[in-house]
């Protein structure tokens, strides 16, 4: 089967969406499918307001339509709700084609954190975007339940995996220049990640932030005692995960949190809030501690068995996740009913 994935999030961005699509594409190819991508790399772009690392494609509809016609895919998956996703959705609705979408990111909460726009407004727009698809793929049951309660239709589960060959227990010398115990955050340095909830904690030892983002310079000034390491490739990230005594995940809005699995695969226990993402990935597995008191979670996680943490992560695989994705795809065939202007708008 020829599968087309349309995404506004792509390399050189380093985030969970890009990693998920990269691993899914690799697995689908291994299954024998042909995978084509439409990404911002092929278009003129401009930086996203308040988040310049994200590039938004400019007026892409005509070129997206031409690409889809030329590729003639058997299935179309729209991964994001940005300009490319909107263009692909518009094309499919005009041609009466089936497509699936994915809900990777809690954009309404992110937008509210940045602009104070009520989440009800953003969710109404997101609902219109996704309800035109044949399946809305979400990473956890918690997110599925939330979206269904908000009026989303055709919601299905598409879990995530971890590379247990790359992210493994091993040598833990990466952070030797700092005092133990070492509490580490890895991810985007942005307001929606709630990083300051971690940085403000009174913890023994040292704190590390690995990643980059719009808050980096301010946080460096305000928290001079924290080690800010910057961005690293995955192989080097594994060394940070291994060296950490606790991986701290302060986010309240992530839909899954791939970094949770990566830390666990390295044997590093997690400290997080009991919210969607950590509840689904860590739960009561013994691979981490979830507590409304993040400091208490951090201190309790120090005493967890690292070998058990690794065993919990081994239950997640990219192959299983890609099989779920494959199962939810819908053939790219014309719908039986004509597409109306109302359907295209909604």
C-alpha atoms as a PDB file:
ATOM      1  CA  UNK A   1       0.000   0.000   0.000  1.00  0.00           C
ATOM      2  CA  UNK A   2       1.200   3.519  -0.753  1.00  0.00           C
ATOM      3  CA  UNK A   3       0.719   5.681   2.341  1.00  0.00           C
ATOM      4  CA  UNK A   4       0.969   9.473   2.303  1.00  0.00           C
ATOM      5  CA  UNK A   5       1.680  11.307   5.561  1.00  0.00           C
ATOM      6  CA  UNK A   6       1.191  15.076   5.576  1.00  0.00           C
ATOM      7  CA  UNK A   7       2.821  16.922   8.464  1.00  0.00           C
ATOM      8  CA  UNK A   8       3.671  20.492   9.446  1.00  0.00           C
ATOM      9  CA  UNK A   9       6.086  19.145  12.085  1.00  0.00           C
ATOM     10  CA  UNK A  10       9.289  17.762  10.628  1.00  0.00           C
ATOM     11  CA  UNK A  11      13.054  17.874  10.793  1.00  0.00           C
ATOM     12  CA  UNK A  12      15.112  19.723  11.884  1.00  0.00           C
ATOM     13  CA  UNK A  13      12.556  20.065  14.695  1.00  0.00           C
ATOM     14  CA  UNK A  14      13.286  17.729  17.581  1.00  0.00           C
ATOM     15  CA  UNK A  15      10.070  16.713  19.303  1.00  0.00           C
ATOM     16  CA  UNK A  16       7.738  13.829  19.942  1.00  0.00           C
ATOM     17  CA  UNK A  17       5.667  14.349  16.799  1.00  0.00           C
ATOM     18  CA  UNK A  18       8.697  14.212  14.515  1.00  0.00           C
ATOM     19  CA  UNK A  19      10.081  11.162  16.301  1.00  0.00           C
ATOM     20  CA  UNK A  20       6.721   9.383  16.165  1.00  0.00           C
ATOM     21  CA  UNK A  21       6.311   9.989  12.438  1.00  0.00           C
ATOM     22  CA  UNK A  22       9.920   9.013  11.727  1.00  0.00           C
ATOM     23  CA  UNK A  23       9.607   5.720  13.584  1.00  0.00           C
ATOM     24  CA  UNK A  24       6.160   4.979  12.148  1.00  0.00           C
ATOM     25  CA  UNK A  25       7.383   5.603   8.604  1.00  0.00           C
ATOM     26  CA  UNK A  26      10.370   3.310   9.196  1.00  0.00           C
ATOM     27  CA  UNK A  27       8.173   0.521  10.532  1.00  0.00           C
ATOM     28  CA  UNK A  28       5.600   0.851   7.740  1.00  0.00           C
ATOM     29  CA  UNK A  29       8.401   0.579   5.187  1.00  0.00           C
ATOM     30  CA  UNK A  30       9.647  -2.533   6.972  1.00  0.00           C
ATOM     31  CA  UNK A  31       6.121  -3.965   6.710  1.00  0.00           C
ATOM     32  CA  UNK A  32       6.347  -3.568   2.916  1.00  0.00           C
ATOM     33  CA  UNK A  33       4.403  -0.333   2.413  1.00  0.00           C
ATOM     34  CA  UNK A  34       5.618   2.654   0.384  1.00  0.00           C
ATOM     35  CA  UNK A  35       5.569   5.791   2.525  1.00  0.00           C
ATOM     36  CA  UNK A  36       5.590   9.298   1.039  1.00  0.00           C
ATOM     37  CA  UNK A  37       5.838  12.485   3.093  1.00  0.00           C
ATOM     38  CA  UNK A  38       4.677  16.052   2.498  1.00  0.00           C
ATOM     39  CA  UNK A  39       6.615  18.281   4.907  1.00  0.00           C
ATOM     40  CA  UNK A  40       7.590  21.965   5.273  1.00  0.00           C
ATOM     41  CA  UNK A  41      10.993  21.208   3.739  1.00  0.00           C
ATOM     42  CA  UNK A  42       9.351  21.406   0.294  1.00  0.00           C
ATOM     43  CA  UNK A  43       7.682  24.813   0.772  1.00  0.00           C
ATOM     44  CA  UNK A  44       8.411  28.447   1.432  1.00  0.00           C
ATOM     45  CA  UNK A  45       7.904  28.993   5.141  1.00  0.00           C
ATOM     46  CA  UNK A  46       7.827  31.662   7.813  1.00  0.00           C
ATOM     47  CA  UNK A  47       8.509  31.308  11.540  1.00  0.00           C
ATOM     48  CA  UNK A  48       5.569  30.608  13.810  1.00  0.00           C
ATOM     49  CA  UNK A  49       4.780  33.607  16.048  1.00  0.00           C
ATOM     50  CA  UNK A  50       6.214  33.103  19.574  1.00  0.00           C
ATOM     51  CA  UNK A  51       7.873  29.849  18.402  1.00  0.00           C
ATOM     52  CA  UNK A  52      10.306  30.594  15.528  1.00  0.00           C
ATOM     53  CA  UNK A  53      11.744  27.059  15.511  1.00  0.00           C
ATOM     54  CA  UNK A  54       8.457  25.911  13.967  1.00  0.00           C
ATOM     55  CA  UNK A  55       8.146  26.841  10.291  1.00  0.00           C
ATOM     56  CA  UNK A  56       4.712  27.438   8.743  1.00  0.00           C
ATOM     57  CA  UNK A  57       4.250  26.801   5.024  1.00  0.00           C
ATOM     58  CA  UNK A  58       2.964  29.746   2.985  1.00  0.00           C
ATOM     59  CA  UNK A  59      -0.129  29.221   0.780  1.00  0.00           C
ATOM     60  CA  UNK A  60       0.635  25.558   0.097  1.00  0.00           C
ATOM     61  CA  UNK A  61      -2.721  24.338  -1.272  1.00  0.00           C
ATOM     62  CA  UNK A  62      -1.915  24.215  -4.989  1.00  0.00           C
ATOM     63  CA  UNK A  63       1.371  22.414  -4.515  1.00  0.00           C
ATOM     64  CA  UNK A  64      -0.109  20.015  -1.952  1.00  0.00           C
ATOM     65  CA  UNK A  65      -2.927  19.190  -4.369  1.00  0.00           C
ATOM     66  CA  UNK A  66      -0.451  18.532  -7.167  1.00  0.00           C
ATOM     67  CA  UNK A  67       1.667  16.312  -4.934  1.00  0.00           C
ATOM     68  CA  UNK A  68      -1.307  14.220  -3.848  1.00  0.00           C
ATOM     69  CA  UNK A  69      -2.497  13.805  -7.433  1.00  0.00           C
ATOM     70  CA  UNK A  70       0.972  12.799  -8.600  1.00  0.00           C
ATOM     71  CA  UNK A  71       1.548  10.337  -5.765  1.00  0.00           C
ATOM     72  CA  UNK A  72      -1.937   8.764  -5.995  1.00  0.00           C
ATOM     73  CA  UNK A  73      -1.700   7.274  -2.487  1.00  0.00           C
ATOM     74  CA  UNK A  74      -3.856   4.419  -1.286  1.00  0.00           C
ATOM     75  CA  UNK A  75      -4.226   6.040   2.136  1.00  0.00           C
ATOM     76  CA  UNK A  76      -3.765   9.605   3.365  1.00  0.00           C
ATOM     77  CA  UNK A  77      -2.899  10.516   6.929  1.00  0.00           C
ATOM     78  CA  UNK A  78      -2.900  14.158   8.059  1.00  0.00           C
ATOM     79  CA  UNK A  79      -0.669  14.383  11.100  1.00  0.00           C
ATOM     80  CA  UNK A  80      -1.004  18.048  12.066  1.00  0.00           C
ATOM     81  CA  UNK A  81      -3.482  20.898  11.997  1.00  0.00           C
ATOM     82  CA  UNK A  82      -1.145  23.476  10.397  1.00  0.00           C
ATOM     83  CA  UNK A  83      -1.092  24.936   6.875  1.00  0.00           C
ATOM     84  CA  UNK A  84      -0.087  21.666   5.194  1.00  0.00           C
ATOM     85  CA  UNK A  85      -2.663  19.694   7.150  1.00  0.00           C
ATOM     86  CA  UNK A  86      -5.361  22.215   6.271  1.00  0.00           C
ATOM     87  CA  UNK A  87      -4.415  22.094   2.596  1.00  0.00           C
ATOM     88  CA  UNK A  88      -4.497  18.283   2.489  1.00  0.00           C
ATOM     89  CA  UNK A  89      -7.825  18.218   4.345  1.00  0.00           C
ATOM     90  CA  UNK A  90      -9.311  20.712   1.906  1.00  0.00           C
ATOM     91  CA  UNK A  91      -8.125  18.664  -1.068  1.00  0.00           C
ATOM     92  CA  UNK A  92      -9.529  15.408   0.329  1.00  0.00           C
ATOM     93  CA  UNK A  93     -12.902  16.963   1.099  1.00  0.00           C
ATOM     94  CA  UNK A  94     -13.140  18.509  -2.355  1.00  0.00           C
ATOM     95  CA  UNK A  95     -12.341  15.149  -3.987  1.00  0.00           C
ATOM     96  CA  UNK A  96     -14.439  13.057  -1.606  1.00  0.00           C
ATOM     97  CA  UNK A  97     -11.389  11.135  -0.379  1.00  0.00           C
ATOM     98  CA  UNK A  98     -10.989   9.289   2.902  1.00  0.00           C
ATOM     99  CA  UNK A  99      -8.286  10.448   5.258  1.00  0.00           C
ATOM    100  CA  UNK A 100      -7.247  10.000   8.868  1.00  0.00           C
ATOM    101  CA  UNK A 101      -5.868  12.540  11.320  1.00  0.00           C
ATOM    102  CA  UNK A 102      -3.914  12.446  14.579  1.00  0.00           C
ATOM    103  CA  UNK A 103      -4.183  14.448  17.762  1.00  0.00           C
ATOM    104  CA  UNK A 104      -0.555  14.725  18.861  1.00  0.00           C
ATOM    105  CA  UNK A 105      -0.564  17.926  20.851  1.00  0.00           C
ATOM    106  CA  UNK A 106      -2.906  19.786  23.189  1.00  0.00           C
ATOM    107  CA  UNK A 107      -2.807  22.929  21.085  1.00  0.00           C
ATOM    108  CA  UNK A 108      -5.782  24.596  22.842  1.00  0.00           C
ATOM    109  CA  UNK A 109      -3.901  24.490  26.152  1.00  0.00           C
ATOM    110  CA  UNK A 110      -0.659  25.601  24.465  1.00  0.00           C
ATOM    111  CA  UNK A 111      -2.398  28.515  22.778  1.00  0.00           C
ATOM    112  CA  UNK A 112      -4.026  29.531  26.042  1.00  0.00           C
ATOM    113  CA  UNK A 113      -0.640  29.466  27.800  1.00  0.00           C
ATOM    114  CA  UNK A 114       0.800  31.791  25.164  1.00  0.00           C
ATOM    115  CA  UNK A 115      -2.135  34.064  24.288  1.00  0.00           C
ATOM    116  CA  UNK A 116      -4.834  33.526  26.984  1.00  0.00           C
ATOM    117  CA  UNK A 117      -7.314  32.559  24.277  1.00  0.00           C
ATOM    118  CA  UNK A 118     -10.019  30.407  25.953  1.00  0.00           C
ATOM    119  CA  UNK A 119      -9.551  26.704  25.265  1.00  0.00           C
ATOM    120  CA  UNK A 120     -13.230  26.444  24.268  1.00  0.00           C
ATOM    121  CA  UNK A 121     -12.536  28.527  21.153  1.00  0.00           C
ATOM    122  CA  UNK A 122      -9.548  26.439  20.092  1.00  0.00           C
ATOM    123  CA  UNK A 123     -11.301  23.151  20.812  1.00  0.00           C
ATOM    124  CA  UNK A 124     -14.254  24.189  18.650  1.00  0.00           C
ATOM    125  CA  UNK A 125     -11.864  24.757  15.727  1.00  0.00           C
ATOM    126  CA  UNK A 126      -9.962  21.518  16.402  1.00  0.00           C
ATOM    127  CA  UNK A 127     -13.215  19.590  16.567  1.00  0.00           C
ATOM    128  CA  UNK A 128     -14.259  20.883  13.144  1.00  0.00           C
ATOM    129  CA  UNK A 129     -10.862  19.981  11.725  1.00  0.00           C
ATOM    130  CA  UNK A 130     -10.784  16.410  13.015  1.00  0.00           C
ATOM    131  CA  UNK A 131     -14.439  15.433  12.709  1.00  0.00           C
ATOM    132  CA  UNK A 132     -14.116  15.363   8.914  1.00  0.00           C
ATOM    133  CA  UNK A 133     -11.656  12.447   9.163  1.00  0.00           C
ATOM    134  CA  UNK A 134     -12.459   8.742   9.194  1.00  0.00           C
ATOM    135  CA  UNK A 135     -10.334   8.152  12.301  1.00  0.00           C
ATOM    136  CA  UNK A 136      -8.758  10.525  14.817  1.00  0.00           C
ATOM    137  CA  UNK A 137      -5.714   8.717  16.215  1.00  0.00           C
ATOM    138  CA  UNK A 138      -4.810   9.594  19.817  1.00  0.00           C
ATOM    139  CA  UNK A 139      -2.010   8.177  21.972  1.00  0.00           C
ATOM    140  CA  UNK A 140      -3.808   7.282  25.208  1.00  0.00           C
ATOM    141  CA  UNK A 141      -7.207   6.350  26.577  1.00  0.00           C
ATOM    142  CA  UNK A 142      -7.209   9.466  28.778  1.00  0.00           C
ATOM    143  CA  UNK A 143      -6.905  11.709  25.742  1.00  0.00           C
ATOM    144  CA  UNK A 144      -9.528   9.656  23.891  1.00  0.00           C
ATOM    145  CA  UNK A 145     -12.004  10.042  26.739  1.00  0.00           C
ATOM    146  CA  UNK A 146     -11.359  13.791  26.916  1.00  0.00           C
ATOM    147  CA  UNK A 147     -11.836  14.360  23.183  1.00  0.00           C
ATOM    148  CA  UNK A 148     -14.976  12.214  23.031  1.00  0.00           C
ATOM    149  CA  UNK A 149     -16.425  14.260  25.895  1.00  0.00           C
ATOM    150  CA  UNK A 150     -15.654  17.391  23.845  1.00  0.00           C
ATOM    151  CA  UNK A 151     -17.587  16.110  20.827  1.00  0.00           C
ATOM    152  CA  UNK A 152     -14.813  14.561  18.730  1.00  0.00           C
ATOM    153  CA  UNK A 153     -15.884  11.635  16.541  1.00  0.00           C
ATOM    154  CA  UNK A 154     -14.169   8.459  15.309  1.00  0.00           C
ATOM    155  CA  UNK A 155     -11.524   8.580  18.048  1.00  0.00           C
ATOM    156  CA  UNK A 156      -9.179   5.555  18.056  1.00  0.00           C
ATOM    157  CA  UNK A 157      -6.045   4.586  19.967  1.00  0.00           C
ATOM    158  CA  UNK A 158      -2.585   4.789  18.421  1.00  0.00           C
ATOM    159  CA  UNK A 159       0.035   4.195  21.099  1.00  0.00           C
ATOM    160  CA  UNK A 160       3.753   5.007  21.021  1.00  0.00           C
ATOM    161  CA  UNK A 161       6.954   3.038  21.335  1.00  0.00           C
ATOM    162  CA  UNK A 162      10.583   3.346  22.308  1.00  0.00           C
ATOM    163  CA  UNK A 163      13.818   2.170  20.712  1.00  0.00           C
ATOM    164  CA  UNK A 164      14.969  -0.275  23.380  1.00  0.00           C
ATOM    165  CA  UNK A 165      18.244  -0.860  21.505  1.00  0.00           C
ATOM    166  CA  UNK A 166      19.263   2.803  21.571  1.00  0.00           C
ATOM    167  CA  UNK A 167      17.812   3.722  24.946  1.00  0.00           C
ATOM    168  CA  UNK A 168      19.340   1.174  27.296  1.00  0.00           C
ATOM    169  CA  UNK A 169      20.833   1.008  30.797  1.00  0.00           C
ATOM    170  CA  UNK A 170      24.590   1.383  30.821  1.00  0.00           C
ATOM    171  CA  UNK A 171      27.440   3.696  31.740  1.00  0.00           C
ATOM    172  CA  UNK A 172      26.178   6.614  33.852  1.00  0.00           C
ATOM    173  CA  UNK A 173      29.111   9.030  33.682  1.00  0.00           C
ATOM    174  CA  UNK A 174      27.571  11.772  31.484  1.00  0.00           C
ATOM    175  CA  UNK A 175      26.763  14.190  34.337  1.00  0.00           C
ATOM    176  CA  UNK A 176      29.815  13.653  36.539  1.00  0.00           C
ATOM    177  CA  UNK A 177      30.611  17.382  36.681  1.00  0.00           C
ATOM    178  CA  UNK A 178      27.548  17.924  38.914  1.00  0.00           C
ATOM    179  CA  UNK A 179      26.623  16.719  42.376  1.00  0.00           C
ATOM    180  CA  UNK A 180      24.301  13.737  42.885  1.00  0.00           C
ATOM    181  CA  UNK A 181      21.458  13.080  43.019  1.00  0.00           C
ATOM    182  CA  UNK A 182      20.915  14.393  39.498  1.00  0.00           C
ATOM    183  CA  UNK A 183      17.410  15.429  38.427  1.00  0.00           C
ATOM    184  CA  UNK A 184      17.062  15.825  34.655  1.00  0.00           C
ATOM    185  CA  UNK A 185      14.467  17.300  32.301  1.00  0.00           C
ATOM    186  CA  UNK A 186      14.776  16.602  28.558  1.00  0.00           C
ATOM    187  CA  UNK A 187      12.509  18.310  26.039  1.00  0.00           C
ATOM    188  CA  UNK A 188      11.432  21.645  24.637  1.00  0.00           C
ATOM    189  CA  UNK A 189      12.204  24.671  26.773  1.00  0.00           C
ATOM    190  CA  UNK A 190       8.823  26.326  26.345  1.00  0.00           C
ATOM    191  CA  UNK A 191       6.055  27.687  28.545  1.00  0.00           C
ATOM    192  CA  UNK A 192       3.660  24.828  27.831  1.00  0.00           C
ATOM    193  CA  UNK A 193       6.147  22.342  29.330  1.00  0.00           C
ATOM    194  CA  UNK A 194       5.777  23.926  32.795  1.00  0.00           C
ATOM    195  CA  UNK A 195       9.545  23.663  33.311  1.00  0.00           C
ATOM    196  CA  UNK A 196       9.681  26.238  36.087  1.00  0.00           C
ATOM    197  CA  UNK A 197       7.610  23.968  38.314  1.00  0.00           C
ATOM    198  CA  UNK A 198      10.729  21.760  38.277  1.00  0.00           C
ATOM    199  CA  UNK A 199      13.355  24.500  38.427  1.00  0.00           C
ATOM    200  CA  UNK A 200      11.754  26.113  41.495  1.00  0.00           C
ATOM    201  CA  UNK A 201      11.877  22.911  43.554  1.00  0.00           C
ATOM    202  CA  UNK A 202      14.143  22.701  46.590  1.00  0.00           C
ATOM    203  CA  UNK A 203      15.980  19.488  45.762  1.00  0.00           C
ATOM    204  CA  UNK A 204      19.315  18.013  46.861  1.00  0.00           C
ATOM    205  CA  UNK A 205      22.068  17.511  44.305  1.00  0.00           C
ATOM    206  CA  UNK A 206      21.751  19.160  40.895  1.00  0.00           C
ATOM    207  CA  UNK A 207      19.213  19.948  38.175  1.00  0.00           C
ATOM    208  CA  UNK A 208      19.734  19.591  34.430  1.00  0.00           C
ATOM    209  CA  UNK A 209      17.750  20.846  31.430  1.00  0.00           C
ATOM    210  CA  UNK A 210      18.556  19.243  28.078  1.00  0.00           C
ATOM    211  CA  UNK A 211      16.911  20.876  25.060  1.00  0.00           C
ATOM    212  CA  UNK A 212      16.202  24.298  23.639  1.00  0.00           C
ATOM    213  CA  UNK A 213      13.304  26.647  23.078  1.00  0.00           C
ATOM    214  CA  UNK A 214      11.987  30.185  23.475  1.00  0.00           C
ATOM    215  CA  UNK A 215      12.416  30.289  27.291  1.00  0.00           C
ATOM    216  CA  UNK A 216      16.056  29.226  27.294  1.00  0.00           C
ATOM    217  CA  UNK A 217      17.767  32.605  27.728  1.00  0.00           C
ATOM    218  CA  UNK A 218      15.401  33.827  30.447  1.00  0.00           C
ATOM    219  CA  UNK A 219      15.643  30.607  32.417  1.00  0.00           C
ATOM    220  CA  UNK A 220      19.431  30.659  32.214  1.00  0.00           C
ATOM    221  CA  UNK A 221      19.415  34.141  33.774  1.00  0.00           C
ATOM    222  CA  UNK A 222      16.867  33.343  36.473  1.00  0.00           C
ATOM    223  CA  UNK A 223      18.214  29.906  37.464  1.00  0.00           C
ATOM    224  CA  UNK A 224      22.022  30.178  37.327  1.00  0.00           C
ATOM    225  CA  UNK A 225      22.444  27.103  39.541  1.00  0.00           C
ATOM    226  CA  UNK A 226      20.785  24.873  36.913  1.00  0.00           C
ATOM    227  CA  UNK A 227      22.863  23.115  34.234  1.00  0.00           C
ATOM    228  CA  UNK A 228      21.496  23.936  30.760  1.00  0.00           C
ATOM    229  CA  UNK A 229      23.029  21.502  28.291  1.00  0.00           C
ATOM    230  CA  UNK A 230      21.377  22.440  24.975  1.00  0.00           C
ATOM    231  CA  UNK A 231      20.300  20.117  22.151  1.00  0.00           C
ATOM    232  CA  UNK A 232      21.853  16.727  21.409  1.00  0.00           C
ATOM    233  CA  UNK A 233      21.239  13.839  18.981  1.00  0.00           C
ATOM    234  CA  UNK A 234      19.385  10.787  20.242  1.00  0.00           C
ATOM    235  CA  UNK A 235      22.493   8.713  20.922  1.00  0.00           C
ATOM    236  CA  UNK A 236      23.829  11.414  23.227  1.00  0.00           C
ATOM    237  CA  UNK A 237      20.407  11.890  24.832  1.00  0.00           C
ATOM    238  CA  UNK A 238      20.554   8.268  25.921  1.00  0.00           C
ATOM    239  CA  UNK A 239      23.690   9.096  27.918  1.00  0.00           C
ATOM    240  CA  UNK A 240      21.840  11.912  29.720  1.00  0.00           C
ATOM    241  CA  UNK A 241      18.904   9.642  30.508  1.00  0.00           C
ATOM    242  CA  UNK A 242      21.212   6.930  31.899  1.00  0.00           C
ATOM    243  CA  UNK A 243      23.171   9.351  34.064  1.00  0.00           C
ATOM    244  CA  UNK A 244      20.066  10.884  35.614  1.00  0.00           C
ATOM    245  CA  UNK A 245      18.946   9.614  39.000  1.00  0.00           C
ATOM    246  CA  UNK A 246      15.412  10.828  38.289  1.00  0.00           C
ATOM    247  CA  UNK A 247      13.793  12.050  35.090  1.00  0.00           C
ATOM    248  CA  UNK A 248      11.473  14.950  35.940  1.00  0.00           C
ATOM    249  CA  UNK A 249       8.455  15.548  33.712  1.00  0.00           C
ATOM    250  CA  UNK A 250       6.615  18.700  34.894  1.00  0.00           C
ATOM    251  CA  UNK A 251       4.261  19.043  31.904  1.00  0.00           C
ATOM    252  CA  UNK A 252       0.529  19.226  32.543  1.00  0.00           C
ATOM    253  CA  UNK A 253      -0.531  19.232  28.879  1.00  0.00           C
ATOM    254  CA  UNK A 254       1.373  16.534  26.932  1.00  0.00           C
ATOM    255  CA  UNK A 255      -0.750  13.900  25.232  1.00  0.00           C
ATOM    256  CA  UNK A 256       1.812  11.147  25.842  1.00  0.00           C
ATOM    257  CA  UNK A 257       5.414  12.120  26.529  1.00  0.00           C
ATOM    258  CA  UNK A 258       7.828   9.955  24.530  1.00  0.00           C
ATOM    259  CA  UNK A 259      10.618  11.146  26.795  1.00  0.00           C
ATOM    260  CA  UNK A 260       8.984   9.189  29.632  1.00  0.00           C
ATOM    261  CA  UNK A 261       9.521   5.927  27.746  1.00  0.00           C
ATOM    262  CA  UNK A 262      13.055   6.897  26.700  1.00  0.00           C
ATOM    263  CA  UNK A 263      14.034   7.603  30.306  1.00  0.00           C
ATOM    264  CA  UNK A 264      12.399   4.380  31.524  1.00  0.00           C
ATOM    265  CA  UNK A 265      14.142   2.340  28.818  1.00  0.00           C
ATOM    266  CA  UNK A 266      17.435   3.612  30.236  1.00  0.00           C
ATOM    267  CA  UNK A 267      16.356   2.457  33.686  1.00  0.00           C
ATOM    268  CA  UNK A 268      15.728   5.970  34.994  1.00  0.00           C
ATOM    269  CA  UNK A 269      12.603   6.415  37.137  1.00  0.00           C
ATOM    270  CA  UNK A 270      10.136   9.212  36.419  1.00  0.00           C
ATOM    271  CA  UNK A 271       8.748  11.945  38.656  1.00  0.00           C
ATOM    272  CA  UNK A 272       5.654  13.658  37.275  1.00  0.00           C
ATOM    273  CA  UNK A 273       2.227  14.996  38.037  1.00  0.00           C
ATOM    274  CA  UNK A 274      -0.728  12.546  37.923  1.00  0.00           C
ATOM    275  CA  UNK A 275      -2.114  13.830  34.622  1.00  0.00           C
ATOM    276  CA  UNK A 276      -2.807  12.388  31.158  1.00  0.00           C
ATOM    277  CA  UNK A 277       0.429  11.089  29.700  1.00  0.00           C
ATOM    278  CA  UNK A 278       2.193  10.053  32.910  1.00  0.00           C
ATOM    279  CA  UNK A 279      -0.973   8.345  34.158  1.00  0.00           C
ATOM    280  CA  UNK A 280      -1.160   6.277  30.962  1.00  0.00           C
ATOM    281  CA  UNK A 281       2.564   5.586  30.510  1.00  0.00           C
ATOM    282  CA  UNK A 282       3.727   5.238  34.126  1.00  0.00           C
ATOM    283  CA  UNK A 283       0.529   4.800  36.151  1.00  0.00           C
ATOM    284  CA  UNK A 284       1.061   2.420  39.078  1.00  0.00           C
ATOM    285  CA  UNK A 285       3.702   0.361  37.230  1.00  0.00           C
ATOM    286  CA  UNK A 286       6.477   1.166  39.688  1.00  0.00           C
ATOM    287  CA  UNK A 287       8.515   2.894  36.974  1.00  0.00           C
ATOM    288  CA  UNK A 288       7.966   6.304  38.514  1.00  0.00           C
ATOM    289  CA  UNK A 289       6.153   8.345  41.121  1.00  0.00           C
ATOM    290  CA  UNK A 290       3.175  10.554  40.274  1.00  0.00           C
ATOM    291  CA  UNK A 291       2.204  13.152  42.844  1.00  0.00           C
ATOM    292  CA  UNK A 292       0.620  16.598  42.916  1.00  0.00           C
ATOM    293  CA  UNK A 293       3.648  17.480  45.050  1.00  0.00           C
ATOM    294  CA  UNK A 294       6.371  17.245  42.396  1.00  0.00           C
ATOM    295  CA  UNK A 295       9.148  17.555  44.976  1.00  0.00           C
ATOM    296  CA  UNK A 296       7.785  14.566  46.887  1.00  0.00           C
ATOM    297  CA  UNK A 297       7.610  12.623  43.626  1.00  0.00           C
ATOM    298  CA  UNK A 298      11.248  13.467  42.828  1.00  0.00           C
ATOM    299  CA  UNK A 299      12.511  12.341  46.224  1.00  0.00           C
ATOM    300  CA  UNK A 300      10.442   9.146  46.270  1.00  0.00           C
ATOM    301  CA  UNK A 301      11.561   8.198  42.744  1.00  0.00           C
ATOM    302  CA  UNK A 302      15.170   8.057  43.957  1.00  0.00           C
ATOM    303  CA  UNK A 303      14.387   4.780  45.710  1.00  0.00           C
ATOM    304  CA  UNK A 304      12.873   2.876  42.770  1.00  0.00           C
ATOM    305  CA  UNK A 305      14.479  -0.227  41.260  1.00  0.00           C
ATOM    306  CA  UNK A 306      16.087   0.779  37.966  1.00  0.00           C
ATOM    307  CA  UNK A 307      15.977  -2.754  36.567  1.00  0.00           C
ATOM    308  CA  UNK A 308      12.213  -2.846  37.096  1.00  0.00           C
ATOM    309  CA  UNK A 309      11.852   0.552  35.420  1.00  0.00           C
ATOM    310  CA  UNK A 310      13.573  -0.862  32.337  1.00  0.00           C
ATOM    311  CA  UNK A 311      11.266  -3.902  32.268  1.00  0.00           C
ATOM    312  CA  UNK A 312       8.195  -1.662  32.217  1.00  0.00           C
ATOM    313  CA  UNK A 313       9.537   0.221  29.175  1.00  0.00           C
ATOM    314  CA  UNK A 314      10.184  -3.011  27.304  1.00  0.00           C
ATOM    315  CA  UNK A 315       6.420  -3.532  26.965  1.00  0.00           C
ATOM    316  CA  UNK A 316       6.271  -0.645  24.471  1.00  0.00           C
ATOM    317  CA  UNK A 317       7.477  -1.121  20.888  1.00  0.00           C
ATOM    318  CA  UNK A 318       7.355   0.944  17.704  1.00  0.00           C
ATOM    319  CA  UNK A 319       6.354  -2.150  15.755  1.00  0.00           C
ATOM    320  CA  UNK A 320       3.183  -2.588  17.819  1.00  0.00           C
ATOM    321  CA  UNK A 321       2.402   1.128  17.564  1.00  0.00           C
ATOM    322  CA  UNK A 322       2.871   1.102  13.774  1.00  0.00           C
ATOM    323  CA  UNK A 323       0.550  -1.910  13.478  1.00  0.00           C
ATOM    324  CA  UNK A 324      -2.126   0.109  15.240  1.00  0.00           C
ATOM    325  CA  UNK A 325      -1.555   2.996  12.821  1.00  0.00           C
ATOM    326  CA  UNK A 326      -1.730   0.629   9.858  1.00  0.00           C
ATOM    327  CA  UNK A 327      -5.002  -0.863  11.122  1.00  0.00           C
ATOM    328  CA  UNK A 328      -6.675   2.548  11.423  1.00  0.00           C
ATOM    329  CA  UNK A 329      -5.834   3.714   7.888  1.00  0.00           C
ATOM    330  CA  UNK A 330      -8.758   3.965   5.464  1.00  0.00           C
ATOM    331  CA  UNK A 331      -8.469   3.249   1.727  1.00  0.00           C
ATOM    332  CA  UNK A 332      -8.180   6.376  -0.378  1.00  0.00           C
ATOM    333  CA  UNK A 333     -11.400   5.877  -2.311  1.00  0.00           C
ATOM    334  CA  UNK A 334     -14.193   8.339  -3.122  1.00  0.00           C
ATOM    335  CA  UNK A 335     -16.917   8.627  -0.559  1.00  0.00           C
ATOM    336  CA  UNK A 336     -20.382   7.535  -1.545  1.00  0.00           C
ATOM    337  CA  UNK A 337     -21.992  10.881  -0.771  1.00  0.00           C
ATOM    338  CA  UNK A 338     -21.058  14.115  -2.544  1.00  0.00           C
ATOM    339  CA  UNK A 339     -19.079  16.628  -0.547  1.00  0.00           C
ATOM    340  CA  UNK A 340     -21.030  19.714   0.383  1.00  0.00           C
ATOM    341  CA  UNK A 341     -19.730  23.161   1.167  1.00  0.00           C
ATOM    342  CA  UNK A 342     -20.817  22.634   4.757  1.00  0.00           C
ATOM    343  CA  UNK A 343     -18.800  19.401   5.005  1.00  0.00           C
ATOM    344  CA  UNK A 344     -15.711  21.089   3.610  1.00  0.00           C
ATOM    345  CA  UNK A 345     -16.026  23.899   6.136  1.00  0.00           C
ATOM    346  CA  UNK A 346     -16.611  21.518   9.044  1.00  0.00           C
END
